[in-house]
Amino acid sequence: MGKLRNLALILFVAVFITACGAGGGSDNPGDTTAPTVSSTSPANGSADVAMNSSIAATFSKGMNASTINGTTFTLSGGSGSISGTVTCSDSTATFTPSSNLSYSTTYTATITTGAKDAAGNAVASNYTWNFTTGDFTAPLITLLAGTSTASTTGTVSWTTNEAASTR
């Protein structure tokens, strides 16, 4: 009788361990849904973005941080690829450029299919969005001329390196 009880106990433990997923693998083996990018910052098509901005993508689900890196989250614009660091916390990935972005430049951010969620599902296709930085530099006065008279009136004129703006 004791041997039968021991055999039943061993069988119960084996079934319990198998049912709990002790064999490793995904935290959610039934999850086969690909993650999607649900929002970005700056938003697609944004203009006048600050030159010291970080770029972020929020996903529809928690991501595997080891798959979010400088290969799977890139930024390009102006003269080519922009260097920076990439971090990921749960469902948000952030690209922080190594230096300020250039002014009045259009940039393209890309999340590639190498980015995977916690269950190992890859983004179905590359996701890209664009934004443009603003021109936050002051105009440079290149010519200054003036006239004066003995009265309190006078004329001052100048030329700058930029066209006048009504913004």
Foldseek 3Di string as FASTA:
>chain_A
DVVVVVVVVVVVVVVVCVVVPVVDAAPDLVDQDAKDFPAKVVGFAAEAAFQQDKIKTFIPWFWDFVQWWCVQKWKAKDPGTFDFTWGGDTGMIITGGPDGHDAFIKMKIKGAQSTGHRNGHTHPGIDMGMYHHHDPDDWDWPDWDKDDDPDPDIDIDTDTPDDDDPD
